[in-house]
PDB file of N, CA and C in Angstrom:
ATOM      1  N   UNK A   1     -13.054 -27.010   0.809  1.00  0.00           N
ATOM      2  CA  UNK A   1     -12.312 -26.145   0.994  1.00  0.00           C
ATOM      3  C   UNK A   1     -11.485 -26.006  -0.123  1.00  0.00           C
ATOM      4  N   UNK A   2      -9.708 -26.820  -0.364  1.00  0.00           N
ATOM      5  CA  UNK A   2      -8.957 -26.266  -1.021  1.00  0.00           C
ATOM      6  C   UNK A   2      -8.517 -27.892  -1.211  1.00  0.00           C
ATOM      7  N   UNK A   3      -8.317 -28.646  -2.234  1.00  0.00           N
ATOM      8  CA  UNK A   3      -7.735 -29.918  -2.133  1.00  0.00           C
ATOM      9  C   UNK A   3      -6.398 -29.867  -2.117  1.00  0.00           C
ATOM     10  N   UNK A   4      -5.983 -31.138  -0.884  1.00  0.00           N
ATOM     11  CA  UNK A   4      -4.790 -30.972  -0.231  1.00  0.00           C
ATOM     12  C   UNK A   4      -4.058 -32.396  -0.428  1.00  0.00           C
ATOM     13  N   UNK A   5      -2.701 -32.132   0.097  1.00  0.00           N
ATOM     14  CA  UNK A   5      -2.084 -33.622  -0.552  1.00  0.00           C
ATOM     15  C   UNK A   5      -0.971 -33.380   0.592  1.00  0.00           C
ATOM     16  N   UNK A   6      -0.553 -34.603   1.517  1.00  0.00           N
ATOM     17  CA  UNK A   6       0.564 -34.611   1.990  1.00  0.00           C
ATOM     18  C   UNK A   6       1.642 -34.120   1.571  1.00  0.00           C
ATOM     19  N   UNK A   7       2.642 -33.837   2.173  1.00  0.00           N
ATOM     20  CA  UNK A   7       3.896 -33.129   1.599  1.00  0.00           C
ATOM     21  C   UNK A   7       5.114 -33.839   3.072  1.00  0.00           C
ATOM     22  N   UNK A   8       6.248 -34.292   2.744  1.00  0.00           N
ATOM     23  CA  UNK A   8       7.360 -34.505   4.013  1.00  0.00           C
ATOM     24  C   UNK A   8       8.086 -33.560   3.355  1.00  0.00           C
ATOM     25  N   UNK A   9       8.397 -32.880   4.779  1.00  0.00           N
ATOM     26  CA  UNK A   9       9.027 -31.187   5.021  1.00  0.00           C
ATOM     27  C   UNK A   9      10.513 -31.931   5.879  1.00  0.00           C
ATOM     28  N   UNK A  10      11.434 -31.948   5.520  1.00  0.00           N
ATOM     29  CA  UNK A  10      12.833 -32.082   6.752  1.00  0.00           C
ATOM     30  C   UNK A  10      13.163 -30.661   6.786  1.00  0.00           C
ATOM     31  N   UNK A  11      13.517 -30.083   8.078  1.00  0.00           N
ATOM     32  CA  UNK A  11      14.007 -28.403   8.598  1.00  0.00           C
ATOM     33  C   UNK A  11      15.124 -28.649   9.601  1.00  0.00           C
ATOM     34  N   UNK A  12      16.066 -27.910   9.504  1.00  0.00           N
ATOM     35  CA  UNK A  12      17.121 -27.932  10.382  1.00  0.00           C
ATOM     36  C   UNK A  12      17.027 -27.047  11.018  1.00  0.00           C
ATOM     37  N   UNK A  13      16.854 -27.117  12.599  1.00  0.00           N
ATOM     38  CA  UNK A  13      16.309 -26.438  13.373  1.00  0.00           C
ATOM     39  C   UNK A  13      17.232 -25.812  14.482  1.00  0.00           C
ATOM     40  N   UNK A  14      17.676 -24.863  15.541  1.00  0.00           N
ATOM     41  CA  UNK A  14      18.131 -25.641  16.755  1.00  0.00           C
ATOM     42  C   UNK A  14      17.308 -26.294  17.959  1.00  0.00           C
ATOM     43  N   UNK A  15      18.500 -26.666  18.536  1.00  0.00           N
ATOM     44  CA  UNK A  15      17.837 -27.714  19.260  1.00  0.00           C
ATOM     45  C   UNK A  15      16.565 -27.411  20.307  1.00  0.00           C
ATOM     46  N   UNK A  16      16.269 -26.132  20.978  1.00  0.00           N
ATOM     47  CA  UNK A  16      15.482 -25.990  21.698  1.00  0.00           C
ATOM     48  C   UNK A  16      14.014 -25.679  20.641  1.00  0.00           C
ATOM     49  N   UNK A  17      14.442 -25.155  19.399  1.00  0.00           N
ATOM     50  CA  UNK A  17      13.506 -24.749  18.506  1.00  0.00           C
ATOM     51  C   UNK A  17      12.727 -26.212  17.856  1.00  0.00           C
ATOM     52  N   UNK A  18      13.783 -27.412  17.900  1.00  0.00           N
ATOM     53  CA  UNK A  18      13.210 -28.954  17.118  1.00  0.00           C
ATOM     54  C   UNK A  18      12.358 -29.023  18.262  1.00  0.00           C
ATOM     55  N   UNK A  19      12.885 -29.140  19.454  1.00  0.00           N
ATOM     56  CA  UNK A  19      12.373 -29.555  20.684  1.00  0.00           C
ATOM     57  C   UNK A  19      10.672 -29.191  20.545  1.00  0.00           C
ATOM     58  N   UNK A  20      10.675 -27.877  20.717  1.00  0.00           N
ATOM     59  CA  UNK A  20       9.199 -27.163  20.779  1.00  0.00           C
ATOM     60  C   UNK A  20       8.230 -27.570  19.704  1.00  0.00           C
ATOM     61  N   UNK A  21       9.136 -27.687  18.132  1.00  0.00           N
ATOM     62  CA  UNK A  21       8.445 -28.630  17.072  1.00  0.00           C
ATOM     63  C   UNK A  21       7.701 -29.472  17.381  1.00  0.00           C
ATOM     64  N   UNK A  22       8.738 -30.349  18.212  1.00  0.00           N
ATOM     65  CA  UNK A  22       8.468 -31.768  18.484  1.00  0.00           C
ATOM     66  C   UNK A  22       7.099 -31.966  19.264  1.00  0.00           C
ATOM     67  N   UNK A  23       7.323 -31.216  20.135  1.00  0.00           N
ATOM     68  CA  UNK A  23       6.037 -31.503  21.688  1.00  0.00           C
ATOM     69  C   UNK A  23       4.720 -30.672  20.818  1.00  0.00           C
ATOM     70  N   UNK A  24       4.831 -29.446  19.903  1.00  0.00           N
ATOM     71  CA  UNK A  24       3.963 -28.945  19.437  1.00  0.00           C
ATOM     72  C   UNK A  24       3.303 -29.963  18.636  1.00  0.00           C
ATOM     73  N   UNK A  25       3.670 -30.771  17.886  1.00  0.00           N
ATOM     74  CA  UNK A  25       3.500 -31.916  16.797  1.00  0.00           C
ATOM     75  C   UNK A  25       2.581 -32.616  17.749  1.00  0.00           C
ATOM     76  N   UNK A  26       3.374 -33.376  18.768  1.00  0.00           N
ATOM     77  CA  UNK A  26       2.952 -34.031  19.017  1.00  0.00           C
ATOM     78  C   UNK A  26       1.409 -34.017  20.314  1.00  0.00           C
ATOM     79  N   UNK A  27       1.433 -32.601  20.731  1.00  0.00           N
ATOM     80  CA  UNK A  27       0.027 -32.091  21.501  1.00  0.00           C
ATOM     81  C   UNK A  27      -1.175 -31.821  20.642  1.00  0.00           C
ATOM     82  N   UNK A  28      -0.642 -31.171  19.443  1.00  0.00           N
ATOM     83  CA  UNK A  28      -1.754 -30.153  18.642  1.00  0.00           C
ATOM     84  C   UNK A  28      -1.158 -30.784  16.918  1.00  0.00           C
ATOM     85  N   UNK A  29      -1.471 -31.635  16.812  1.00  0.00           N
ATOM     86  CA  UNK A  29      -0.946 -32.084  14.995  1.00  0.00           C
ATOM     87  C   UNK A  29      -1.386 -31.055  14.092  1.00  0.00           C
ATOM     88  N   UNK A  30      -2.347 -30.894  14.411  1.00  0.00           N
ATOM     89  CA  UNK A  30      -2.972 -29.730  13.596  1.00  0.00           C
ATOM     90  C   UNK A  30      -1.913 -28.325  13.582  1.00  0.00           C
ATOM     91  N   UNK A  31      -1.323 -28.374  14.662  1.00  0.00           N
ATOM     92  CA  UNK A  31      -1.112 -26.679  14.983  1.00  0.00           C
ATOM     93  C   UNK A  31       0.333 -26.503  13.654  1.00  0.00           C
ATOM     94  N   UNK A  32       1.419 -27.365  13.802  1.00  0.00           N
ATOM     95  CA  UNK A  32       2.658 -26.553  12.597  1.00  0.00           C
ATOM     96  C   UNK A  32       1.784 -26.895  11.499  1.00  0.00           C
ATOM     97  N   UNK A  33       0.876 -27.569  10.893  1.00  0.00           N
ATOM     98  CA  UNK A  33       0.291 -27.311   9.324  1.00  0.00           C
ATOM     99  C   UNK A  33      -0.352 -26.063   9.702  1.00  0.00           C
ATOM    100  N   UNK A  34      -0.867 -25.648  10.466  1.00  0.00           N
ATOM    101  CA  UNK A  34      -1.679 -24.216   9.744  1.00  0.00           C
ATOM    102  C   UNK A  34      -0.114 -23.185  10.211  1.00  0.00           C
ATOM    103  N   UNK A  35       1.002 -23.419  10.804  1.00  0.00           N
ATOM    104  CA  UNK A  35       1.918 -22.324  11.018  1.00  0.00           C
ATOM    105  C   UNK A  35       2.514 -21.963   9.624  1.00  0.00           C
ATOM    106  N   UNK A  36       2.717 -23.303   8.848  1.00  0.00           N
ATOM    107  CA  UNK A  36       3.147 -23.777   7.776  1.00  0.00           C
ATOM    108  C   UNK A  36       2.629 -22.592   6.579  1.00  0.00           C
ATOM    109  N   UNK A  37       1.206 -23.288   6.732  1.00  0.00           N
ATOM    110  CA  UNK A  37       0.099 -22.524   5.797  1.00  0.00           C
ATOM    111  C   UNK A  37       0.276 -20.858   5.756  1.00  0.00           C
ATOM    112  N   UNK A  38       0.242 -20.620   7.349  1.00  0.00           N
ATOM    113  CA  UNK A  38       0.047 -19.000   7.219  1.00  0.00           C
ATOM    114  C   UNK A  38       1.635 -18.547   6.606  1.00  0.00           C
ATOM    115  N   UNK A  39       2.545 -18.808   7.157  1.00  0.00           N
ATOM    116  CA  UNK A  39       3.669 -18.574   6.068  1.00  0.00           C
ATOM    117  C   UNK A  39       3.706 -18.974   4.961  1.00  0.00           C
ATOM    118  N   UNK A  40       3.071 -19.863   4.095  1.00  0.00           N
ATOM    119  CA  UNK A  40       3.060 -19.938   2.912  1.00  0.00           C
ATOM    120  C   UNK A  40       2.228 -19.092   2.416  1.00  0.00           C
ATOM    121  N   UNK A  41       1.177 -18.975   2.926  1.00  0.00           N
ATOM    122  CA  UNK A  41       0.254 -17.657   2.316  1.00  0.00           C
ATOM    123  C   UNK A  41       1.113 -16.021   2.107  1.00  0.00           C
ATOM    124  N   UNK A  42       1.459 -16.028   3.240  1.00  0.00           N
ATOM    125  CA  UNK A  42       2.363 -14.737   3.341  1.00  0.00           C
ATOM    126  C   UNK A  42       3.318 -14.175   2.077  1.00  0.00           C
ATOM    127  N   UNK A  43       4.237 -15.458   2.129  1.00  0.00           N
ATOM    128  CA  UNK A  43       4.792 -15.514   0.863  1.00  0.00           C
ATOM    129  C   UNK A  43       4.955 -15.582  -0.220  1.00  0.00           C
ATOM    130  N   UNK A  44       3.119 -15.971  -0.544  1.00  0.00           N
ATOM    131  CA  UNK A  44       2.987 -15.927  -1.784  1.00  0.00           C
ATOM    132  C   UNK A  44       1.895 -14.588  -2.136  1.00  0.00           C
ATOM    133  N   UNK A  45       1.465 -14.179  -0.879  1.00  0.00           N
ATOM    134  CA  UNK A  45       0.943 -12.374  -1.116  1.00  0.00           C
ATOM    135  C   UNK A  45       2.417 -11.474  -0.916  1.00  0.00           C
ATOM    136  N   UNK A  46       3.314 -11.495  -0.449  1.00  0.00           N
ATOM    137  CA  UNK A  46       4.211 -10.752  -0.787  1.00  0.00           C
ATOM    138  C   UNK A  46       5.134 -10.881  -2.057  1.00  0.00           C
ATOM    139  N   UNK A  47       5.269 -12.029  -2.700  1.00  0.00           N
ATOM    140  CA  UNK A  47       5.661 -12.080  -3.734  1.00  0.00           C
ATOM    141  C   UNK A  47       4.638 -11.686  -5.253  1.00  0.00           C
ATOM    142  N   UNK A  48       3.614 -11.596  -4.488  1.00  0.00           N
ATOM    143  CA  UNK A  48       2.504 -11.300  -5.372  1.00  0.00           C
ATOM    144  C   UNK A  48       2.848  -9.565  -5.878  1.00  0.00           C
ATOM    145  N   UNK A  49       2.526  -9.342  -4.091  1.00  0.00           N
ATOM    146  CA  UNK A  49       2.540  -7.512  -4.496  1.00  0.00           C
ATOM    147  C   UNK A  49       3.756  -6.759  -5.052  1.00  0.00           C
ATOM    148  N   UNK A  50       4.942  -7.853  -4.665  1.00  0.00           N
ATOM    149  CA  UNK A  50       6.647  -7.131  -5.220  1.00  0.00           C
ATOM    150  C   UNK A  50       6.273  -6.958  -6.880  1.00  0.00           C
ATOM    151  N   UNK A  51       5.613  -8.234  -7.247  1.00  0.00           N
ATOM    152  CA  UNK A  51       5.655  -8.664  -8.786  1.00  0.00           C
ATOM    153  C   UNK A  51       4.700  -7.316  -9.153  1.00  0.00           C
ATOM    154  N   UNK A  52       3.916  -7.030  -8.569  1.00  0.00           N
ATOM    155  CA  UNK A  52       3.005  -5.537  -8.888  1.00  0.00           C
ATOM    156  C   UNK A  52       3.918  -4.325  -8.756  1.00  0.00           C
ATOM    157  N   UNK A  53       4.280  -4.153  -7.570  1.00  0.00           N
ATOM    158  CA  UNK A  53       5.578  -2.902  -7.590  1.00  0.00           C
ATOM    159  C   UNK A  53       6.342  -3.067  -8.764  1.00  0.00           C
ATOM    160  N   UNK A  54       6.964  -4.298  -9.003  1.00  0.00           N
ATOM    161  CA  UNK A  54       8.201  -4.273  -9.997  1.00  0.00           C
ATOM    162  C   UNK A  54       7.334  -3.785 -11.253  1.00  0.00           C
ATOM    163  N   UNK A  55       6.337  -4.203 -11.760  1.00  0.00           N
ATOM    164  CA  UNK A  55       5.769  -4.139 -12.900  1.00  0.00           C
ATOM    165  C   UNK A  55       5.433  -2.163 -13.200  1.00  0.00           C
ATOM    166  N   UNK A  56       4.940  -1.834 -11.841  1.00  0.00           N
ATOM    167  CA  UNK A  56       4.746  -0.588 -11.794  1.00  0.00           C
ATOM    168  C   UNK A  56       6.115   0.427 -11.985  1.00  0.00           C
ATOM    169  N   UNK A  57       6.900   0.172 -11.980  1.00  0.00           N
ATOM    170  CA  UNK A  57       7.856   0.992 -11.286  1.00  0.00           C
ATOM    171  C   UNK A  57       8.824   0.951 -12.658  1.00  0.00           C
ATOM    172  N   UNK A  58       8.292  -0.333 -13.446  1.00  0.00           N
ATOM    173  CA  UNK A  58       8.783  -0.436 -15.035  1.00  0.00           C
ATOM    174  C   UNK A  58       7.930   0.364 -15.898  1.00  0.00           C
ATOM    175  N   UNK A  59       6.763   0.390 -15.672  1.00  0.00           N
ATOM    176  CA  UNK A  59       5.827   1.325 -16.506  1.00  0.00           C
ATOM    177  C   UNK A  59       6.372   2.897 -16.309  1.00  0.00           C
ATOM    178  N   UNK A  60       6.708   2.878 -14.876  1.00  0.00           N
ATOM    179  CA  UNK A  60       6.857   4.293 -14.554  1.00  0.00           C
ATOM    180  C   UNK A  60       8.003   5.095 -15.135  1.00  0.00           C
ATOM    181  N   UNK A  61       9.091   4.171 -15.182  1.00  0.00           N
ATOM    182  CA  UNK A  61      10.496   4.501 -15.512  1.00  0.00           C
ATOM    183  C   UNK A  61      10.596   4.378 -17.657  1.00  0.00           C
ATOM    184  N   UNK A  62       9.470   3.599 -17.789  1.00  0.00           N
ATOM    185  CA  UNK A  62       9.383   3.407 -19.098  1.00  0.00           C
ATOM    186  C   UNK A  62       9.535   4.908 -20.228  1.00  0.00           C
ATOM    187  N   UNK A  63       9.818   5.366 -21.437  1.00  0.00           N
ATOM    188  CA  UNK A  63       9.373   6.115 -21.831  1.00  0.00           C
ATOM    189  C   UNK A  63       8.064   6.087 -22.705  1.00  0.00           C
ATOM    190  N   UNK A  64       7.844   7.281 -22.754  1.00  0.00           N
ATOM    191  CA  UNK A  64       6.426   7.773 -23.231  1.00  0.00           C
ATOM    192  C   UNK A  64       6.053   7.131 -24.660  1.00  0.00           C
ATOM    193  N   UNK A  65       4.969   6.611 -25.003  1.00  0.00           N
ATOM    194  CA  UNK A  65       4.927   6.098 -26.467  1.00  0.00           C
ATOM    195  C   UNK A  65       4.476   7.192 -27.284  1.00  0.00           C
ATOM    196  N   UNK A  66       5.474   7.140 -28.489  1.00  0.00           N
ATOM    197  CA  UNK A  66       5.514   8.071 -29.381  1.00  0.00           C
ATOM    198  C   UNK A  66       4.286   7.994 -30.460  1.00  0.00           C
ATOM    199  N   UNK A  67       3.372   8.696 -30.886  1.00  0.00           N
ATOM    200  CA  UNK A  67       2.514   8.183 -31.750  1.00  0.00           C
ATOM    201  C   UNK A  67       3.063   8.207 -33.346  1.00  0.00           C
ATOM    202  N   UNK A  68       2.175   7.554 -33.830  1.00  0.00           N
ATOM    203  CA  UNK A  68       2.982   7.058 -35.127  1.00  0.00           C
ATOM    204  C   UNK A  68       1.781   7.490 -36.266  1.00  0.00           C
TER     205      UNK A  68
END
């Protein structure tokens, strides 16, 4: 699949969410990895689409090229 490596992530969560995250880590260690991968994938897709939309907007707003 992909080449992977470990990273250490520290987050500040409300106490109830932190407890749920700790429980999920204890009962299903792969769960949080899948959730984070899902979130980062969505973010990457969003940034890509946003970049394409920005480029398209710039092209639409640019004055037409004048032939020389």
